Amino acid sequence: AKLAFELTVKPEPVEEPADPEIPQQPDTPETPDTPGTPDAPVTDPAG
């Protein structure tokens, strides 16, 4: 007696390239507030 059987071997899985690593920027320290410059006096152009 004879009997045939069909078998499928799946293709080799393809590994997708990993996303390139983006270098992480170091945290920028906060700049302290600087005292404001006093407003210049207003001069009347007409004098």
All heavy atoms as atom14 arrays in JSON, in Angstrom:
{
  "sequence": "AKLAFELTVKPEPVEEPADPEIPQQPDTPETPDTPGTPDAPVTDPAG",
  "atom14_mask": [
    [1, 1, 1, 1, 1, 0, 0, 0, 0, 0, 0, 0, 0, 0],
    [1, 1, 1, 1, 1, 1, 1, 1, 1, 0, 0, 0, 0, 0],
    [1, 1, 1, 1, 1, 1, 1, 1, 0, 0, 0, 0, 0, 0],
    [1, 1, 1, 1, 1, 0, 0, 0, 0, 0, 0, 0, 0, 0],
    [1, 1, 1, 1, 1, 1, 1, 1, 1, 1, 1, 0, 0, 0],
    [1, 1, 1, 1, 1, 1, 1, 1, 1, 0, 0, 0, 0, 0],
    [1, 1, 1, 1, 1, 1, 1, 1, 0, 0, 0, 0, 0, 0],
    [1, 1, 1, 1, 1, 1, 1, 0, 0, 0, 0, 0, 0, 0],
    [1, 1, 1, 1, 1, 1, 1, 0, 0, 0, 0, 0, 0, 0],
    [1, 1, 1, 1, 1, 1, 1, 1, 1, 0, 0, 0, 0, 0],
    [1, 1, 1, 1, 1, 1, 1, 0, 0, 0, 0, 0, 0, 0],
    [1, 1, 1, 1, 1, 1, 1, 1, 1, 0, 0, 0, 0, 0],
    [1, 1, 1, 1, 1, 1, 1, 0, 0, 0, 0, 0, 0, 0],
    [1, 1, 1, 1, 1, 1, 1, 0, 0, 0, 0, 0, 0, 0],
    [1, 1, 1, 1, 1, 1, 1, 1, 1, 0, 0, 0, 0, 0],
    [1, 1, 1, 1, 1, 1, 1, 1, 1, 0, 0, 0, 0, 0],
    [1, 1, 1, 1, 1, 1, 1, 0, 0, 0, 0, 0, 0, 0],
    [1, 1, 1, 1, 1, 0, 0, 0, 0, 0, 0, 0, 0, 0],
    [1, 1, 1, 1, 1, 1, 1, 1, 0, 0, 0, 0, 0, 0],
    [1, 1, 1, 1, 1, 1, 1, 0, 0, 0, 0, 0, 0, 0],
    [1, 1, 1, 1, 1, 1, 1, 1, 1, 0, 0, 0, 0, 0],
    [1, 1, 1, 1, 1, 1, 1, 1, 0, 0, 0, 0, 0, 0],
    [1, 1, 1, 1, 1, 1, 1, 0, 0, 0, 0, 0, 0, 0],
    [1, 1, 1, 1, 1, 1, 1, 1, 1, 0, 0, 0, 0, 0],
    [1, 1, 1, 1, 1, 1, 1, 1, 1, 0, 0, 0, 0, 0],
    [1, 1, 1, 1, 1, 1, 1, 0, 0, 0, 0, 0, 0, 0],
    [1, 1, 1, 1, 1, 1, 1, 1, 0, 0, 0, 0, 0, 0],
    [1, 1, 1, 1, 1, 1, 1, 0, 0, 0, 0, 0, 0, 0],
    [1, 1, 1, 1, 1, 1, 1, 0, 0, 0, 0, 0, 0, 0],
    [1, 1, 1, 1, 1, 1, 1, 1, 1, 0, 0, 0, 0, 0],
    [1, 1, 1, 1, 1, 1, 1, 0, 0, 0, 0, 0, 0, 0],
    [1, 1, 1, 1, 1, 1, 1, 0, 0, 0, 0, 0, 0, 0],
    [1, 1, 1, 1, 1, 1, 1, 1, 0, 0, 0, 0, 0, 0],
    [1, 1, 1, 1, 1, 1, 1, 0, 0, 0, 0, 0, 0, 0],
    [1, 1, 1, 1, 1, 1, 1, 0, 0, 0, 0, 0, 0, 0],
    [1, 1, 1, 1, 0, 0, 0, 0, 0, 0, 0, 0, 0, 0],
    [1, 1, 1, 1, 1, 1, 1, 0, 0, 0, 0, 0, 0, 0],
    [1, 1, 1, 1, 1, 1, 1, 0, 0, 0, 0, 0, 0, 0],
    [1, 1, 1, 1, 1, 1, 1, 1, 0, 0, 0, 0, 0, 0],
    [1, 1, 1, 1, 1, 0, 0, 0, 0, 0, 0, 0, 0, 0],
    [1, 1, 1, 1, 1, 1, 1, 0, 0, 0, 0, 0, 0, 0],
    [1, 1, 1, 1, 1, 1, 1, 0, 0, 0, 0, 0, 0, 0],
    [1, 1, 1, 1, 1, 1, 1, 0, 0, 0, 0, 0, 0, 0],
    [1, 1, 1, 1, 1, 1, 1, 1, 0, 0, 0, 0, 0, 0],
    [1, 1, 1, 1, 1, 1, 1, 0, 0, 0, 0, 0, 0, 0],
    [1, 1, 1, 1, 1, 0, 0, 0, 0, 0, 0, 0, 0, 0],
    [1, 1, 1, 1, 0, 0, 0, 0, 0, 0, 0, 0, 0, 0]
  ],
  "atom14_positions": [
    [[0.86, -1.18, 0.0], [0.0, 0.0, 0.0], [0.9, 1.23, 0.0], [1.98, 1.22, 0.59], [-0.88, -0.01, 1.24], [0.0, 0.0, 0.0], [0.0, 0.0, 0.0], [0.0, 0.0, 0.0], [0.0, 0.0, 0.0], [0.0, 0.0, 0.0], [0.0, 0.0, 0.0], [0.0, 0.0, 0.0], [0.0, 0.0, 0.0], [0.0, 0.0, 0.0]],
    [[0.45, 2.3, -0.67], [1.24, 3.53, -0.72], [0.36, 4.74, -0.45], [-0.82, 4.76, -0.79], [1.92, 3.68, -2.09], [3.02, 2.66, -2.34], [3.76, 2.93, -3.65], [4.91, 1.95, -3.84], [5.66, 2.21, -5.08], [0.0, 0.0, 0.0], [0.0, 0.0, 0.0], [0.0, 0.0, 0.0], [0.0, 0.0, 0.0], [0.0, 0.0, 0.0]],
    [[0.96, 5.75, 0.18], [0.25, 6.99, 0.47], [1.25, 8.14, 0.47], [2.3, 8.05, 1.11], [-0.47, 6.9, 1.81], [-1.36, 8.09, 2.18], [-2.52, 8.24, 1.19], [-1.91, 7.92, 3.6], [0.0, 0.0, 0.0], [0.0, 0.0, 0.0], [0.0, 0.0, 0.0], [0.0, 0.0, 0.0], [0.0, 0.0, 0.0], [0.0, 0.0, 0.0]],
    [[0.92, 9.22, -0.26], [1.81, 10.38, -0.36], [1.36, 11.5, 0.57], [0.16, 11.66, 0.83], [1.87, 10.87, -1.8], [0.0, 0.0, 0.0], [0.0, 0.0, 0.0], [0.0, 0.0, 0.0], [0.0, 0.0, 0.0], [0.0, 0.0, 0.0], [0.0, 0.0, 0.0], [0.0, 0.0, 0.0], [0.0, 0.0, 0.0], [0.0, 0.0, 0.0]],
    [[2.32, 12.25, 1.05], [2.07, 13.36, 1.97], [2.91, 14.55, 1.53], [4.1, 14.41, 1.25], [2.44, 12.94, 3.39], [2.41, 14.05, 4.4], [1.21, 14.55, 4.86], [3.59, 14.58, 4.91], [1.17, 15.57, 5.8], [3.56, 15.6, 5.85], [2.35, 16.1, 6.3], [0.0, 0.0, 0.0], [0.0, 0.0, 0.0], [0.0, 0.0, 0.0]],
    [[2.28, 15.74, 1.46], [3.0, 16.94, 1.05], [3.29, 17.83, 2.25], [2.39, 18.11, 3.05], [2.22, 17.71, -0.02], [2.21, 16.99, -1.36], [1.76, 17.89, -2.5], [1.16, 18.94, -2.22], [2.03, 17.55, -3.67], [0.0, 0.0, 0.0], [0.0, 0.0, 0.0], [0.0, 0.0, 0.0], [0.0, 0.0, 0.0], [0.0, 0.0, 0.0]],
    [[4.54, 18.26, 2.34], [5.0, 19.07, 3.46], [5.6, 20.37, 2.92], [6.38, 20.34, 1.97], [6.06, 18.31, 4.26], [6.79, 19.1, 5.35], [5.86, 19.27, 6.56], [8.07, 18.38, 5.77], [0.0, 0.0, 0.0], [0.0, 0.0, 0.0], [0.0, 0.0, 0.0], [0.0, 0.0, 0.0], [0.0, 0.0, 0.0], [0.0, 0.0, 0.0]],
    [[5.24, 21.48, 3.52], [5.8, 22.78, 3.14], [6.73, 23.27, 4.24], [6.33, 23.32, 5.41], [4.69, 23.82, 2.9], [3.86, 23.39, 1.83], [5.28, 25.17, 2.56], [0.0, 0.0, 0.0], [0.0, 0.0, 0.0], [0.0, 0.0, 0.0], [0.0, 0.0, 0.0], [0.0, 0.0, 0.0], [0.0, 0.0, 0.0], [0.0, 0.0, 0.0]],
    [[7.96, 23.59, 3.86], [8.91, 24.2, 4.79], [8.9, 25.7, 4.52], [9.18, 26.16, 3.41], [10.34, 23.64, 4.59], [11.31, 24.35, 5.53], [10.36, 22.14, 4.83], [0.0, 0.0, 0.0], [0.0, 0.0, 0.0], [0.0, 0.0, 0.0], [0.0, 0.0, 0.0], [0.0, 0.0, 0.0], [0.0, 0.0, 0.0], [0.0, 0.0, 0.0]],
    [[8.53, 26.46, 5.52], [8.42, 27.91, 5.36], [9.79, 28.55, 5.07], [10.82, 28.0, 5.47], [7.83, 28.54, 6.63], [6.38, 28.15, 6.91], [5.91, 28.83, 8.17], [4.47, 28.45, 8.51], [4.0, 29.13, 9.75], [0.0, 0.0, 0.0], [0.0, 0.0, 0.0], [0.0, 0.0, 0.0], [0.0, 0.0, 0.0], [0.0, 0.0, 0.0]],
    [[9.79, 29.7, 4.39], [11.06, 30.39, 4.14], [11.72, 30.84, 5.43], [11.06, 31.01, 6.46], [10.65, 31.59, 3.28], [9.3, 31.25, 2.75], [8.65, 30.37, 3.76], [0.0, 0.0, 0.0], [0.0, 0.0, 0.0], [0.0, 0.0, 0.0], [0.0, 0.0, 0.0], [0.0, 0.0, 0.0], [0.0, 0.0, 0.0], [0.0, 0.0, 0.0]],
    [[13.01, 31.04, 5.34], [13.74, 31.51, 6.51], [13.25, 32.91, 6.86], [13.15, 33.78, 5.99], [15.24, 31.55, 6.21], [16.09, 31.98, 7.39], [17.57, 31.95, 7.06], [17.92, 31.79, 5.88], [18.37, 32.09, 8.0], [0.0, 0.0, 0.0], [0.0, 0.0, 0.0], [0.0, 0.0, 0.0], [0.0, 0.0, 0.0], [0.0, 0.0, 0.0]],
    [[12.91, 33.16, 8.11], [12.43, 34.49, 8.48], [13.52, 35.54, 8.29], [14.69, 35.3, 8.6], [12.05, 34.34, 9.96], [12.78, 33.13, 10.43], [12.93, 32.23, 9.24], [0.0, 0.0, 0.0], [0.0, 0.0, 0.0], [0.0, 0.0, 0.0], [0.0, 0.0, 0.0], [0.0, 0.0, 0.0], [0.0, 0.0, 0.0], [0.0, 0.0, 0.0]],
    [[13.13, 36.69, 7.71], [14.08, 37.78, 7.48], [14.01, 38.74, 8.65], [12.94, 39.25, 9.01], [13.73, 38.52, 6.17], [14.7, 39.69, 5.94], [13.78, 37.56, 4.99], [0.0, 0.0, 0.0], [0.0, 0.0, 0.0], [0.0, 0.0, 0.0], [0.0, 0.0, 0.0], [0.0, 0.0, 0.0], [0.0, 0.0, 0.0], [0.0, 0.0, 0.0]],
    [[15.19, 39.01, 9.23], [15.23, 39.93, 10.36], [15.29, 41.36, 9.85], [16.15, 41.72, 9.05], [16.46, 39.63, 11.23], [16.39, 38.29, 11.94], [17.57, 38.1, 12.88], [18.33, 39.08, 13.05], [17.71, 37.0, 13.42], [0.0, 0.0, 0.0], [0.0, 0.0, 0.0], [0.0, 0.0, 0.0], [0.0, 0.0, 0.0], [0.0, 0.0, 0.0]],
    [[14.34, 42.16, 10.28], [14.34, 43.56, 9.89], [15.41, 44.31, 10.66], [15.61, 44.09, 11.86], [12.96, 44.18, 10.18], [11.84, 43.58, 9.34], [10.53, 44.26, 9.61], [10.52, 45.24, 10.4], [9.51, 43.82, 9.04], [0.0, 0.0, 0.0], [0.0, 0.0, 0.0], [0.0, 0.0, 0.0], [0.0, 0.0, 0.0], [0.0, 0.0, 0.0]],
    [[16.16, 45.23, 9.93], [17.22, 45.97, 10.63], [16.62, 46.84, 11.73], [15.56, 47.45, 11.56], [17.86, 46.81, 9.53], [16.81, 46.91, 8.46], [16.05, 45.62, 8.53], [0.0, 0.0, 0.0], [0.0, 0.0, 0.0], [0.0, 0.0, 0.0], [0.0, 0.0, 0.0], [0.0, 0.0, 0.0], [0.0, 0.0, 0.0], [0.0, 0.0, 0.0]],
    [[17.31, 46.89, 12.8], [16.83, 47.7, 13.93], [16.99, 49.18, 13.62], [17.89, 49.59, 12.88], [17.6, 47.33, 15.19], [0.0, 0.0, 0.0], [0.0, 0.0, 0.0], [0.0, 0.0, 0.0], [0.0, 0.0, 0.0], [0.0, 0.0, 0.0], [0.0, 0.0, 0.0], [0.0, 0.0, 0.0], [0.0, 0.0, 0.0], [0.0, 0.0, 0.0]],
    [[16.11, 50.0, 14.15], [16.21, 51.45, 13.97], [17.51, 51.95, 14.58], [17.89, 51.52, 15.69], [15.02, 52.15, 14.64], [13.72, 51.81, 13.94], [13.77, 51.5, 12.73], [12.66, 51.84, 14.6], [0.0, 0.0, 0.0], [0.0, 0.0, 0.0], [0.0, 0.0, 0.0], [0.0, 0.0, 0.0], [0.0, 0.0, 0.0], [0.0, 0.0, 0.0]],
    [[18.23, 52.85, 13.85], [19.49, 53.36, 14.42], [19.23, 54.13, 15.71], [18.23, 54.82, 15.85], [20.02, 54.28, 13.32], [18.82, 54.65, 12.52], [17.92, 53.47, 12.56], [0.0, 0.0, 0.0], [0.0, 0.0, 0.0], [0.0, 0.0, 0.0], [0.0, 0.0, 0.0], [0.0, 0.0, 0.0], [0.0, 0.0, 0.0], [0.0, 0.0, 0.0]],
    [[20.15, 53.99, 16.62], [19.99, 54.68, 17.9], [20.35, 56.16, 17.75], [21.39, 56.51, 17.18], [20.88, 54.04, 18.96], [20.43, 52.63, 19.35], [21.25, 52.09, 20.51], [22.06, 52.87, 21.07], [21.07, 50.92, 20.85], [0.0, 0.0, 0.0], [0.0, 0.0, 0.0], [0.0, 0.0, 0.0], [0.0, 0.0, 0.0], [0.0, 0.0, 0.0]],
    [[19.49, 57.0, 18.21], [19.75, 58.45, 18.19], [20.39, 58.81, 19.52], [19.81, 58.57, 20.58], [18.45, 59.24, 17.98], [17.8, 58.82, 16.65], [18.69, 60.74, 18.04], [16.44, 59.4, 16.42], [0.0, 0.0, 0.0], [0.0, 0.0, 0.0], [0.0, 0.0, 0.0], [0.0, 0.0, 0.0], [0.0, 0.0, 0.0], [0.0, 0.0, 0.0]],
    [[21.61, 59.4, 19.43], [22.27, 59.75, 20.7], [21.44, 60.75, 21.5], [20.9, 61.7, 20.94], [23.61, 60.34, 20.28], [23.41, 60.74, 18.85], [22.42, 59.8, 18.28], [0.0, 0.0, 0.0], [0.0, 0.0, 0.0], [0.0, 0.0, 0.0], [0.0, 0.0, 0.0], [0.0, 0.0, 0.0], [0.0, 0.0, 0.0], [0.0, 0.0, 0.0]],
    [[21.33, 60.5, 22.73], [20.51, 61.36, 23.58], [21.31, 62.58, 24.01], [22.45, 62.47, 24.44], [20.03, 60.56, 24.8], [19.0, 61.29, 25.64], [18.46, 60.4, 26.75], [18.88, 59.27, 26.86], [17.57, 60.94, 27.54], [0.0, 0.0, 0.0], [0.0, 0.0, 0.0], [0.0, 0.0, 0.0], [0.0, 0.0, 0.0], [0.0, 0.0, 0.0]],
    [[20.7, 63.76, 23.8], [21.36, 65.01, 24.19], [21.31, 65.17, 25.71], [20.29, 64.89, 26.33], [20.64, 66.21, 23.54], [20.7, 66.21, 22.01], [22.13, 66.37, 21.51], [22.94, 67.04, 22.15], [22.44, 65.73, 20.4], [0.0, 0.0, 0.0], [0.0, 0.0, 0.0], [0.0, 0.0, 0.0], [0.0, 0.0, 0.0], [0.0, 0.0, 0.0]],
    [[22.44, 65.65, 26.24], [22.42, 65.86, 27.71], [21.47, 67.0, 28.07], [21.28, 67.93, 27.29], [23.87, 66.2, 28.03], [24.43, 66.72, 26.75], [23.73, 65.98, 25.65], [0.0, 0.0, 0.0], [0.0, 0.0, 0.0], [0.0, 0.0, 0.0], [0.0, 0.0, 0.0], [0.0, 0.0, 0.0], [0.0, 0.0, 0.0], [0.0, 0.0, 0.0]],
    [[20.9, 66.88, 29.18], [19.97, 67.92, 29.64], [20.71, 69.25, 29.78], [21.84, 69.31, 30.32], [19.35, 67.54, 30.98], [18.44, 66.33, 30.82], [17.99, 66.08, 29.68], [18.19, 65.63, 31.84], [0.0, 0.0, 0.0], [0.0, 0.0, 0.0], [0.0, 0.0, 0.0], [0.0, 0.0, 0.0], [0.0, 0.0, 0.0], [0.0, 0.0, 0.0]],
    [[20.11, 70.36, 29.23], [20.7, 71.7, 29.34], [20.26, 72.33, 30.66], [19.06, 72.4, 30.93], [20.25, 72.6, 28.18], [20.57, 71.93, 26.95], [20.91, 73.96, 28.24], [0.0, 0.0, 0.0], [0.0, 0.0, 0.0], [0.0, 0.0, 0.0], [0.0, 0.0, 0.0], [0.0, 0.0, 0.0], [0.0, 0.0, 0.0], [0.0, 0.0, 0.0]],
    [[21.25, 72.75, 31.44], [20.84, 73.35, 32.74], [20.07, 74.64, 32.51], [20.36, 75.41, 31.58], [22.16, 73.6, 33.45], [23.19, 73.64, 32.37], [22.69, 72.74, 31.29], [0.0, 0.0, 0.0], [0.0, 0.0, 0.0], [0.0, 0.0, 0.0], [0.0, 0.0, 0.0], [0.0, 0.0, 0.0], [0.0, 0.0, 0.0], [0.0, 0.0, 0.0]],
    [[19.12, 74.9, 33.34], [18.32, 76.12, 33.22], [19.17, 77.35, 33.55], [19.96, 77.35, 34.49], [17.12, 76.06, 34.17], [16.11, 75.0, 33.78], [14.91, 75.04, 34.7], [14.85, 75.95, 35.54], [14.04, 74.16, 34.55], [0.0, 0.0, 0.0], [0.0, 0.0, 0.0], [0.0, 0.0, 0.0], [0.0, 0.0, 0.0], [0.0, 0.0, 0.0]],
    [[18.99, 78.43, 32.67], [19.74, 79.67, 32.88], [18.98, 80.55, 33.87], [17.79, 80.81, 33.66], [19.91, 80.44, 31.56], [20.53, 79.56, 30.62], [20.75, 81.68, 31.74], [0.0, 0.0, 0.0], [0.0, 0.0, 0.0], [0.0, 0.0, 0.0], [0.0, 0.0, 0.0], [0.0, 0.0, 0.0], [0.0, 0.0, 0.0], [0.0, 0.0, 0.0]],
    [[19.66, 80.95, 34.92], [18.92, 81.77, 35.91], [18.51, 83.12, 35.3], [19.19, 83.64, 34.41], [19.94, 81.95, 37.04], [21.27, 81.71, 36.42], [21.05, 80.75, 35.3], [0.0, 0.0, 0.0], [0.0, 0.0, 0.0], [0.0, 0.0, 0.0], [0.0, 0.0, 0.0], [0.0, 0.0, 0.0], [0.0, 0.0, 0.0], [0.0, 0.0, 0.0]],
    [[17.41, 83.62, 35.78], [16.93, 84.93, 35.29], [17.95, 86.01, 35.63], [18.48, 86.08, 36.75], [15.58, 85.3, 35.92], [14.49, 84.37, 35.46], [14.66, 83.76, 34.38], [13.47, 84.21, 36.19], [0.0, 0.0, 0.0], [0.0, 0.0, 0.0], [0.0, 0.0, 0.0], [0.0, 0.0, 0.0], [0.0, 0.0, 0.0], [0.0, 0.0, 0.0]],
    [[18.23, 86.92, 34.6], [19.16, 88.05, 34.84], [18.35, 89.3, 35.11], [17.28, 89.49, 34.52], [20.06, 88.27, 33.62], [19.25, 88.47, 32.48], [20.96, 87.07, 33.38], [0.0, 0.0, 0.0], [0.0, 0.0, 0.0], [0.0, 0.0, 0.0], [0.0, 0.0, 0.0], [0.0, 0.0, 0.0], [0.0, 0.0, 0.0], [0.0, 0.0, 0.0]],
    [[18.89, 90.14, 35.99], [18.11, 91.36, 36.29], [17.93, 92.2, 35.03], [18.84, 92.31, 34.21], [18.95, 92.08, 37.33], [20.28, 91.37, 37.37], [20.12, 90.04, 36.74], [0.0, 0.0, 0.0], [0.0, 0.0, 0.0], [0.0, 0.0, 0.0], [0.0, 0.0, 0.0], [0.0, 0.0, 0.0], [0.0, 0.0, 0.0], [0.0, 0.0, 0.0]],
    [[16.76, 92.77, 34.87], [16.44, 93.55, 33.68], [17.21, 94.88, 33.62], [17.61, 95.43, 34.64], [0.0, 0.0, 0.0], [0.0, 0.0, 0.0], [0.0, 0.0, 0.0], [0.0, 0.0, 0.0], [0.0, 0.0, 0.0], [0.0, 0.0, 0.0], [0.0, 0.0, 0.0], [0.0, 0.0, 0.0], [0.0, 0.0, 0.0], [0.0, 0.0, 0.0]],
    [[17.4, 95.36, 32.4], [18.07, 96.65, 32.22], [17.03, 97.76, 32.36], [15.97, 97.67, 31.75], [18.72, 96.72, 30.83], [19.59, 95.59, 30.69], [19.48, 98.01, 30.64], [0.0, 0.0, 0.0], [0.0, 0.0, 0.0], [0.0, 0.0, 0.0], [0.0, 0.0, 0.0], [0.0, 0.0, 0.0], [0.0, 0.0, 0.0], [0.0, 0.0, 0.0]],
    [[17.36, 98.78, 33.13], [16.35, 99.85, 33.31], [16.06, 100.52, 31.98], [16.92, 100.63, 31.12], [16.99, 100.82, 34.3], [18.47, 100.52, 34.23], [18.61, 99.1, 33.88], [0.0, 0.0, 0.0], [0.0, 0.0, 0.0], [0.0, 0.0, 0.0], [0.0, 0.0, 0.0], [0.0, 0.0, 0.0], [0.0, 0.0, 0.0], [0.0, 0.0, 0.0]],
    [[14.81, 100.91, 31.85], [14.38, 101.58, 30.62], [15.12, 102.91, 30.46], [15.35, 103.67, 31.44], [12.9, 101.85, 30.63], [12.1, 100.53, 30.62], [12.67, 99.51, 30.18], [10.92, 100.52, 31.06], [0.0, 0.0, 0.0], [0.0, 0.0, 0.0], [0.0, 0.0, 0.0], [0.0, 0.0, 0.0], [0.0, 0.0, 0.0], [0.0, 0.0, 0.0]],
    [[15.47, 103.2, 29.21], [16.15, 104.5, 28.96], [15.12, 105.61, 29.06], [13.95, 105.43, 28.77], [16.76, 104.48, 27.55], [0.0, 0.0, 0.0], [0.0, 0.0, 0.0], [0.0, 0.0, 0.0], [0.0, 0.0, 0.0], [0.0, 0.0, 0.0], [0.0, 0.0, 0.0], [0.0, 0.0, 0.0], [0.0, 0.0, 0.0], [0.0, 0.0, 0.0]],
    [[15.59, 106.75, 29.5], [14.62, 107.85, 29.6], [14.1, 108.27, 28.26], [14.83, 108.23, 27.26], [15.46, 108.99, 30.24], [16.89, 108.65, 29.94], [16.95, 107.15, 29.88], [0.0, 0.0, 0.0], [0.0, 0.0, 0.0], [0.0, 0.0, 0.0], [0.0, 0.0, 0.0], [0.0, 0.0, 0.0], [0.0, 0.0, 0.0], [0.0, 0.0, 0.0]],
    [[12.85, 108.64, 28.25], [12.2, 109.05, 26.99], [12.51, 110.52, 26.76], [12.3, 111.38, 27.62], [10.69, 108.85, 27.05], [10.05, 109.34, 25.77], [10.36, 107.39, 27.32], [0.0, 0.0, 0.0], [0.0, 0.0, 0.0], [0.0, 0.0, 0.0], [0.0, 0.0, 0.0], [0.0, 0.0, 0.0], [0.0, 0.0, 0.0], [0.0, 0.0, 0.0]],
    [[13.0, 110.81, 25.61], [13.33, 112.19, 25.26], [12.35, 112.74, 24.26], [12.09, 112.06, 23.28], [14.77, 112.28, 24.68], [15.68, 111.66, 25.58], [15.18, 113.7, 24.4], [0.0, 0.0, 0.0], [0.0, 0.0, 0.0], [0.0, 0.0, 0.0], [0.0, 0.0, 0.0], [0.0, 0.0, 0.0], [0.0, 0.0, 0.0], [0.0, 0.0, 0.0]],
    [[11.93, 113.9, 24.57], [10.94, 114.52, 23.66], [11.71, 115.04, 22.46], [12.63, 115.87, 22.58], [10.24, 115.67, 24.36], [9.14, 116.31, 23.52], [8.99, 115.86, 22.34], [8.44, 117.17, 24.03], [0.0, 0.0, 0.0], [0.0, 0.0, 0.0], [0.0, 0.0, 0.0], [0.0, 0.0, 0.0], [0.0, 0.0, 0.0], [0.0, 0.0, 0.0]],
    [[11.43, 114.49, 21.25], [12.16, 114.96, 20.08], [11.97, 116.45, 19.8], [12.81, 117.1, 19.25], [11.57, 114.11, 18.94], [10.29, 113.6, 19.45], [10.4, 113.55, 20.95], [0.0, 0.0, 0.0], [0.0, 0.0, 0.0], [0.0, 0.0, 0.0], [0.0, 0.0, 0.0], [0.0, 0.0, 0.0], [0.0, 0.0, 0.0], [0.0, 0.0, 0.0]],
    [[10.88, 116.94, 20.29], [10.66, 118.39, 20.05], [11.38, 119.25, 21.07], [11.35, 120.48, 21.03], [9.18, 118.7, 20.05], [0.0, 0.0, 0.0], [0.0, 0.0, 0.0], [0.0, 0.0, 0.0], [0.0, 0.0, 0.0], [0.0, 0.0, 0.0], [0.0, 0.0, 0.0], [0.0, 0.0, 0.0], [0.0, 0.0, 0.0], [0.0, 0.0, 0.0]],
    [[11.97, 118.57, 22.01], [12.67, 119.28, 23.06], [11.79, 119.87, 24.07], [12.17, 120.76, 24.8], [0.0, 0.0, 0.0], [0.0, 0.0, 0.0], [0.0, 0.0, 0.0], [0.0, 0.0, 0.0], [0.0, 0.0, 0.0], [0.0, 0.0, 0.0], [0.0, 0.0, 0.0], [0.0, 0.0, 0.0], [0.0, 0.0, 0.0], [0.0, 0.0, 0.0]]
  ]
}
